[in-house]
Amino acid sequence: MLFYVIYILLFIATFLIGYAILQLKILGINIKDFWSFIEANQMLDKLYDFSKKYEKFSVQEQIIYLSEAEKIFDAFDKVPNALWEEEYEKYSEVLNQYKKIKMLRWASN
């Protein structure tokens, strides 16, 4: 009896995963791009908090911030805007900080 319950639960889980993958394919999103978007979304939260806490960055922090922000921008560009419209405020804050750092680095060179 327990074997049948486990079998049914595994079948349902497999069906739901397959259905989610099918929905992503219908939207024209690659699974790899969607996974990188999920990871970038987590990094967006960290960069957003980081940009709120610090006014001035050291050179090393600037380089790290710029490289991580570029990864986020790349991942967000690969998915439709409707998926991340809730995160727009964080995205724009990270983008503004990115632009500030780029301008400071450009002016110092």
N, C-alpha and C. Protein backbone atom coordinates (compact mmCIF):
# COMPACT_ATOMS: atom_id res chain seq x y z
N MET A 1 0.82 -1.20 0.00
CA MET A 1 0.00 0.00 0.00
C MET A 1 0.86 1.27 0.00
N LEU A 2 1.87 1.29 0.85
CA LEU A 2 2.76 2.44 0.93
C LEU A 2 3.50 2.63 -0.38
N PHE A 3 3.85 1.53 -1.03
CA PHE A 3 4.52 1.58 -2.32
C PHE A 3 3.68 2.32 -3.36
N TYR A 4 2.38 2.07 -3.37
CA TYR A 4 1.50 2.74 -4.33
C TYR A 4 1.39 4.24 -4.06
N VAL A 5 1.35 4.61 -2.80
CA VAL A 5 1.28 6.03 -2.44
C VAL A 5 2.55 6.74 -2.89
N ILE A 6 3.70 6.15 -2.64
CA ILE A 6 4.97 6.73 -3.06
C ILE A 6 5.03 6.82 -4.58
N TYR A 7 4.59 5.79 -5.26
CA TYR A 7 4.57 5.78 -6.72
C TYR A 7 3.70 6.89 -7.26
N ILE A 8 2.54 7.08 -6.69
CA ILE A 8 1.62 8.13 -7.15
C ILE A 8 2.22 9.51 -6.89
N LEU A 9 2.82 9.70 -5.72
CA LEU A 9 3.44 10.99 -5.41
C LEU A 9 4.60 11.30 -6.35
N LEU A 10 5.40 10.30 -6.67
CA LEU A 10 6.50 10.50 -7.62
C LEU A 10 5.96 10.82 -9.01
N PHE A 11 4.89 10.17 -9.40
CA PHE A 11 4.28 10.44 -10.70
C PHE A 11 3.76 11.87 -10.76
N ILE A 12 3.09 12.32 -9.70
CA ILE A 12 2.56 13.68 -9.65
C ILE A 12 3.70 14.70 -9.69
N ALA A 13 4.77 14.46 -8.92
CA ALA A 13 5.91 15.38 -8.90
C ALA A 13 6.56 15.45 -10.28
N THR A 14 6.72 14.31 -10.94
CA THR A 14 7.31 14.28 -12.28
C THR A 14 6.41 15.02 -13.27
N PHE A 15 5.12 14.83 -13.15
CA PHE A 15 4.17 15.51 -14.03
C PHE A 15 4.25 17.03 -13.84
N LEU A 16 4.31 17.49 -12.59
CA LEU A 16 4.36 18.93 -12.32
C LEU A 16 5.66 19.55 -12.82
N ILE A 17 6.77 18.86 -12.67
CA ILE A 17 8.04 19.36 -13.18
C ILE A 17 8.00 19.43 -14.71
N GLY A 18 7.48 18.39 -15.33
CA GLY A 18 7.34 18.39 -16.79
C GLY A 18 6.43 19.50 -17.27
N TYR A 19 5.35 19.74 -16.55
CA TYR A 19 4.43 20.80 -16.92
C TYR A 19 5.10 22.18 -16.80
N ALA A 20 5.88 22.37 -15.75
CA ALA A 20 6.59 23.65 -15.57
C ALA A 20 7.60 23.86 -16.69
N ILE A 21 8.31 22.81 -17.06
CA ILE A 21 9.28 22.91 -18.16
C ILE A 21 8.56 23.22 -19.46
N LEU A 22 7.42 22.59 -19.69
CA LEU A 22 6.63 22.85 -20.90
C LEU A 22 6.18 24.31 -20.94
N GLN A 23 5.74 24.85 -19.81
CA GLN A 23 5.30 26.25 -19.76
C GLN A 23 6.46 27.20 -20.08
N LEU A 24 7.65 26.88 -19.58
CA LEU A 24 8.81 27.71 -19.88
C LEU A 24 9.15 27.65 -21.37
N LYS A 25 9.06 26.47 -21.94
CA LYS A 25 9.34 26.32 -23.38
C LYS A 25 8.32 27.09 -24.22
N ILE A 26 7.06 27.06 -23.80
CA ILE A 26 6.02 27.79 -24.52
C ILE A 26 6.31 29.29 -24.49
N LEU A 27 6.81 29.78 -23.37
CA LEU A 27 7.16 31.20 -23.25
C LEU A 27 8.44 31.54 -23.99
N GLY A 28 9.15 30.52 -24.46
CA GLY A 28 10.38 30.76 -25.20
C GLY A 28 11.59 30.96 -24.32
N ILE A 29 11.54 30.45 -23.10
CA ILE A 29 12.63 30.61 -22.15
C ILE A 29 13.38 29.29 -22.03
N ASN A 30 14.70 29.35 -22.15
CA ASN A 30 15.51 28.16 -21.92
C ASN A 30 15.57 27.88 -20.42
N ILE A 31 15.66 26.60 -20.07
CA ILE A 31 15.73 26.21 -18.67
C ILE A 31 16.99 26.80 -18.03
N LYS A 32 18.09 26.78 -18.75
CA LYS A 32 19.34 27.32 -18.23
C LYS A 32 19.22 28.82 -17.96
N ASP A 33 18.58 29.54 -18.86
CA ASP A 33 18.37 30.98 -18.68
C ASP A 33 17.46 31.26 -17.48
N PHE A 34 16.44 30.43 -17.32
CA PHE A 34 15.53 30.62 -16.19
C PHE A 34 16.25 30.34 -14.88
N TRP A 35 17.08 29.31 -14.85
CA TRP A 35 17.83 29.00 -13.63
C TRP A 35 18.81 30.12 -13.31
N SER A 36 19.48 30.67 -14.32
CA SER A 36 20.41 31.78 -14.06
C SER A 36 19.63 33.01 -13.59
N PHE A 37 18.38 33.18 -14.06
CA PHE A 37 17.54 34.27 -13.58
C PHE A 37 17.22 34.10 -12.10
N ILE A 38 16.93 32.88 -11.69
CA ILE A 38 16.63 32.62 -10.27
C ILE A 38 17.84 32.94 -9.41
N GLU A 39 19.02 32.50 -9.85
CA GLU A 39 20.24 32.80 -9.11
C GLU A 39 20.53 34.29 -9.11
N ALA A 40 20.30 34.95 -10.22
CA ALA A 40 20.53 36.40 -10.31
C ALA A 40 19.56 37.16 -9.42
N ASN A 41 18.37 36.65 -9.29
CA ASN A 41 17.38 37.29 -8.42
C ASN A 41 17.84 37.26 -6.97
N GLN A 42 18.45 36.16 -6.56
CA GLN A 42 19.00 36.08 -5.20
C GLN A 42 20.17 37.05 -5.03
N MET A 43 21.01 37.14 -6.04
CA MET A 43 22.15 38.06 -5.98
C MET A 43 21.67 39.51 -6.02
N LEU A 44 20.57 39.78 -6.72
CA LEU A 44 20.00 41.13 -6.77
C LEU A 44 19.65 41.60 -5.37
N ASP A 45 19.06 40.72 -4.57
CA ASP A 45 18.72 41.09 -3.20
C ASP A 45 19.97 41.45 -2.40
N LYS A 46 21.02 40.69 -2.57
CA LYS A 46 22.27 40.95 -1.84
C LYS A 46 22.90 42.27 -2.28
N LEU A 47 22.95 42.50 -3.59
CA LEU A 47 23.53 43.75 -4.09
C LEU A 47 22.69 44.96 -3.69
N TYR A 48 21.39 44.79 -3.67
CA TYR A 48 20.50 45.87 -3.26
C TYR A 48 20.78 46.26 -1.81
N ASP A 49 20.86 45.25 -0.94
CA ASP A 49 21.17 45.53 0.46
C ASP A 49 22.55 46.16 0.61
N PHE A 50 23.48 45.65 -0.15
CA PHE A 50 24.85 46.16 -0.10
C PHE A 50 24.90 47.62 -0.54
N SER A 51 24.18 47.96 -1.59
CA SER A 51 24.19 49.34 -2.09
C SER A 51 23.49 50.29 -1.12
N LYS A 52 22.56 49.79 -0.34
CA LYS A 52 21.87 50.63 0.64
C LYS A 52 22.75 50.89 1.87
N LYS A 53 23.58 49.93 2.23
CA LYS A 53 24.38 50.05 3.46
C LYS A 53 25.60 50.94 3.28
N TYR A 54 26.22 50.89 2.12
CA TYR A 54 27.50 51.55 1.94
C TYR A 54 27.37 52.75 1.01
N GLU A 55 27.96 53.84 1.42
CA GLU A 55 28.00 55.04 0.59
C GLU A 55 29.22 55.02 -0.32
N LYS A 56 30.37 54.63 0.23
CA LYS A 56 31.59 54.59 -0.55
C LYS A 56 32.10 53.16 -0.59
N PHE A 57 32.57 52.77 -1.75
CA PHE A 57 33.12 51.44 -1.95
C PHE A 57 34.63 51.53 -2.11
N SER A 58 35.31 50.51 -1.63
CA SER A 58 36.73 50.43 -1.93
C SER A 58 36.88 49.99 -3.39
N VAL A 59 38.09 50.07 -3.91
CA VAL A 59 38.31 49.68 -5.31
C VAL A 59 37.93 48.22 -5.53
N GLN A 60 38.31 47.37 -4.60
CA GLN A 60 37.99 45.95 -4.73
C GLN A 60 36.48 45.73 -4.67
N GLU A 61 35.79 46.42 -3.78
CA GLU A 61 34.34 46.29 -3.69
C GLU A 61 33.66 46.80 -4.96
N GLN A 62 34.21 47.85 -5.55
CA GLN A 62 33.66 48.36 -6.80
C GLN A 62 33.75 47.33 -7.91
N ILE A 63 34.91 46.70 -8.02
CA ILE A 63 35.11 45.69 -9.07
C ILE A 63 34.17 44.52 -8.88
N ILE A 64 34.04 44.05 -7.66
CA ILE A 64 33.14 42.93 -7.37
C ILE A 64 31.69 43.32 -7.66
N TYR A 65 31.31 44.51 -7.22
CA TYR A 65 29.95 44.99 -7.46
C TYR A 65 29.65 45.07 -8.95
N LEU A 66 30.58 45.63 -9.71
CA LEU A 66 30.37 45.77 -11.15
C LEU A 66 30.23 44.42 -11.84
N SER A 67 31.09 43.48 -11.49
CA SER A 67 31.02 42.17 -12.16
C SER A 67 29.74 41.42 -11.79
N GLU A 68 29.34 41.48 -10.53
CA GLU A 68 28.10 40.80 -10.12
C GLU A 68 26.87 41.48 -10.74
N ALA A 69 26.89 42.80 -10.81
CA ALA A 69 25.77 43.52 -11.40
C ALA A 69 25.64 43.18 -12.89
N GLU A 70 26.75 43.06 -13.58
CA GLU A 70 26.71 42.71 -15.01
C GLU A 70 26.12 41.32 -15.21
N LYS A 71 26.43 40.39 -14.31
CA LYS A 71 25.84 39.05 -14.40
C LYS A 71 24.33 39.13 -14.21
N ILE A 72 23.90 39.96 -13.27
CA ILE A 72 22.46 40.11 -13.02
C ILE A 72 21.77 40.71 -14.24
N PHE A 73 22.35 41.76 -14.79
CA PHE A 73 21.73 42.40 -15.95
C PHE A 73 21.62 41.43 -17.12
N ASP A 74 22.64 40.62 -17.32
CA ASP A 74 22.62 39.64 -18.40
C ASP A 74 21.52 38.61 -18.19
N ALA A 75 21.40 38.11 -16.96
CA ALA A 75 20.37 37.10 -16.67
C ALA A 75 18.96 37.69 -16.80
N PHE A 76 18.78 38.91 -16.36
CA PHE A 76 17.46 39.54 -16.43
C PHE A 76 17.08 39.86 -17.87
N ASP A 77 18.07 40.13 -18.72
CA ASP A 77 17.78 40.42 -20.13
C ASP A 77 17.27 39.20 -20.89
N LYS A 78 17.55 38.02 -20.39
CA LYS A 78 17.19 36.78 -21.10
C LYS A 78 15.78 36.30 -20.80
N VAL A 79 15.10 36.92 -19.85
CA VAL A 79 13.73 36.50 -19.52
C VAL A 79 12.79 37.68 -19.75
N PRO A 80 11.51 37.40 -19.96
CA PRO A 80 10.54 38.48 -20.17
C PRO A 80 10.42 39.40 -18.95
N ASN A 81 10.16 40.65 -19.20
CA ASN A 81 10.04 41.64 -18.12
C ASN A 81 8.93 41.31 -17.14
N ALA A 82 7.91 40.64 -17.60
CA ALA A 82 6.78 40.32 -16.73
C ALA A 82 7.20 39.43 -15.56
N LEU A 83 8.26 38.66 -15.73
CA LEU A 83 8.72 37.78 -14.65
C LEU A 83 9.36 38.56 -13.51
N TRP A 84 9.92 39.70 -13.79
CA TRP A 84 10.64 40.41 -12.73
C TRP A 84 10.15 41.82 -12.48
N GLU A 85 8.93 42.12 -12.86
CA GLU A 85 8.43 43.48 -12.63
C GLU A 85 8.28 43.80 -11.15
N GLU A 86 8.13 42.79 -10.30
CA GLU A 86 8.06 43.02 -8.86
C GLU A 86 9.42 43.46 -8.30
N GLU A 87 10.47 43.07 -8.97
CA GLU A 87 11.82 43.39 -8.52
C GLU A 87 12.38 44.63 -9.20
N TYR A 88 11.56 45.38 -9.90
CA TYR A 88 12.04 46.51 -10.68
C TYR A 88 12.72 47.58 -9.83
N GLU A 89 12.18 47.85 -8.66
CA GLU A 89 12.77 48.88 -7.80
C GLU A 89 14.19 48.49 -7.39
N LYS A 90 14.37 47.24 -6.99
CA LYS A 90 15.70 46.77 -6.62
C LYS A 90 16.64 46.80 -7.83
N TYR A 91 16.12 46.37 -8.97
CA TYR A 91 16.92 46.34 -10.19
C TYR A 91 17.38 47.76 -10.55
N SER A 92 16.47 48.72 -10.48
CA SER A 92 16.84 50.08 -10.85
C SER A 92 17.82 50.69 -9.84
N GLU A 93 17.69 50.35 -8.57
CA GLU A 93 18.64 50.85 -7.56
C GLU A 93 20.03 50.28 -7.80
N VAL A 94 20.10 48.99 -8.10
CA VAL A 94 21.39 48.37 -8.41
C VAL A 94 21.97 48.97 -9.69
N LEU A 95 21.12 49.22 -10.67
CA LEU A 95 21.57 49.83 -11.92
C LEU A 95 22.10 51.24 -11.69
N ASN A 96 21.42 52.02 -10.86
CA ASN A 96 21.89 53.38 -10.55
C ASN A 96 23.24 53.36 -9.85
N GLN A 97 23.39 52.45 -8.89
CA GLN A 97 24.67 52.33 -8.19
C GLN A 97 25.75 51.87 -9.17
N TYR A 98 25.42 50.99 -10.07
CA TYR A 98 26.34 50.51 -11.11
C TYR A 98 26.82 51.68 -11.96
N LYS A 99 25.88 52.52 -12.37
CA LYS A 99 26.22 53.68 -13.20
C LYS A 99 27.12 54.65 -12.44
N LYS A 100 26.83 54.86 -11.15
CA LYS A 100 27.66 55.76 -10.34
C LYS A 100 29.09 55.26 -10.25
N ILE A 101 29.23 53.97 -9.99
CA ILE A 101 30.57 53.39 -9.87
C ILE A 101 31.31 53.46 -11.20
N LYS A 102 30.61 53.17 -12.28
CA LYS A 102 31.24 53.25 -13.61
C LYS A 102 31.72 54.67 -13.89
N MET A 103 30.90 55.67 -13.57
CA MET A 103 31.29 57.07 -13.80
C MET A 103 32.48 57.45 -12.93
N LEU A 104 32.48 57.03 -11.67
CA LEU A 104 33.60 57.33 -10.79
C LEU A 104 34.89 56.70 -11.30
N ARG A 105 34.79 55.46 -11.73
CA ARG A 105 35.99 54.77 -12.25
C ARG A 105 36.45 55.40 -13.56
N TRP A 106 35.51 55.81 -14.39
CA TRP A 106 35.86 56.45 -15.65
C TRP A 106 36.53 57.80 -15.39
N ALA A 107 35.99 58.56 -14.44
CA ALA A 107 36.56 59.88 -14.13
C ALA A 107 37.94 59.76 -13.49
N SER A 108 38.15 58.71 -12.72
CA SER A 108 39.47 58.55 -12.07
C SER A 108 40.54 58.08 -13.05
N ASN A 109 40.12 57.49 -14.15
CA ASN A 109 41.11 57.06 -15.16
C ASN A 109 41.42 58.23 -16.02
